[in-house]
Amino acid sequence: MNVLQFGLKSFFRPRMYRIDREGAQVGEIECTRLWEGATITLGGTRYTAGREGKMSGVFYLETDGSRLASADKPSARKLLFTVRAGGRTFTLKKASMFSRAYIVTEGAVQIGSIAPIGWFWGRCKAELPDDLELGVQVFLIWLVIVMTRRAMVQSAAAGGIIAQSYQ
């Protein structure tokens, strides 16, 4: 099992995430302004992660024009992706409705997890299979970042609507 830790690189750069393994930086994720895309840098390799279209539920990971992985989000309401990479198909989904953790399953077997370390959304830990390419592992991390950011925006919007109704 490969253990990666990730979190914001700096409070002043809220779209830049640092990826560490055993205390040493192995890469970073720089999200675009709308969070639907990112540049992932691992060692000397640059990957592009993004969404196929504005209304599409398909996300992808590419390097040098070659697609390494794709993730299909079948429903806007469900926090679930079907991910295809290297001839394998697995699922990335929220562990439970009340949890901030995500699990990765292949068939009916859990093969990994991505979860916060502690109570606050500062640093997180991803435990993913060694036989999964590092770029694909970081793609899964980016998908969790996208889903978490979307949930934060929806909560803030709902909070604003509720606050306005009391005025």
Foldseek 3Di string as FASTA:
>chain_A
DFKKKKFAPDPVQRQKMFIDGPRDTQWIWGADPVLQKIWIDGPNFIKIWGAPDPPAQKIFIDGPPHTAKIWGDPDPPAQKTFMDGPNFTWMWHAPDPPFLKIFIGGPNHTAWIKHCDDDDRGMIMIDHDPVDDPSVSVVSVSSSVSVVVVVVVVVVVVVVVVVVVVD
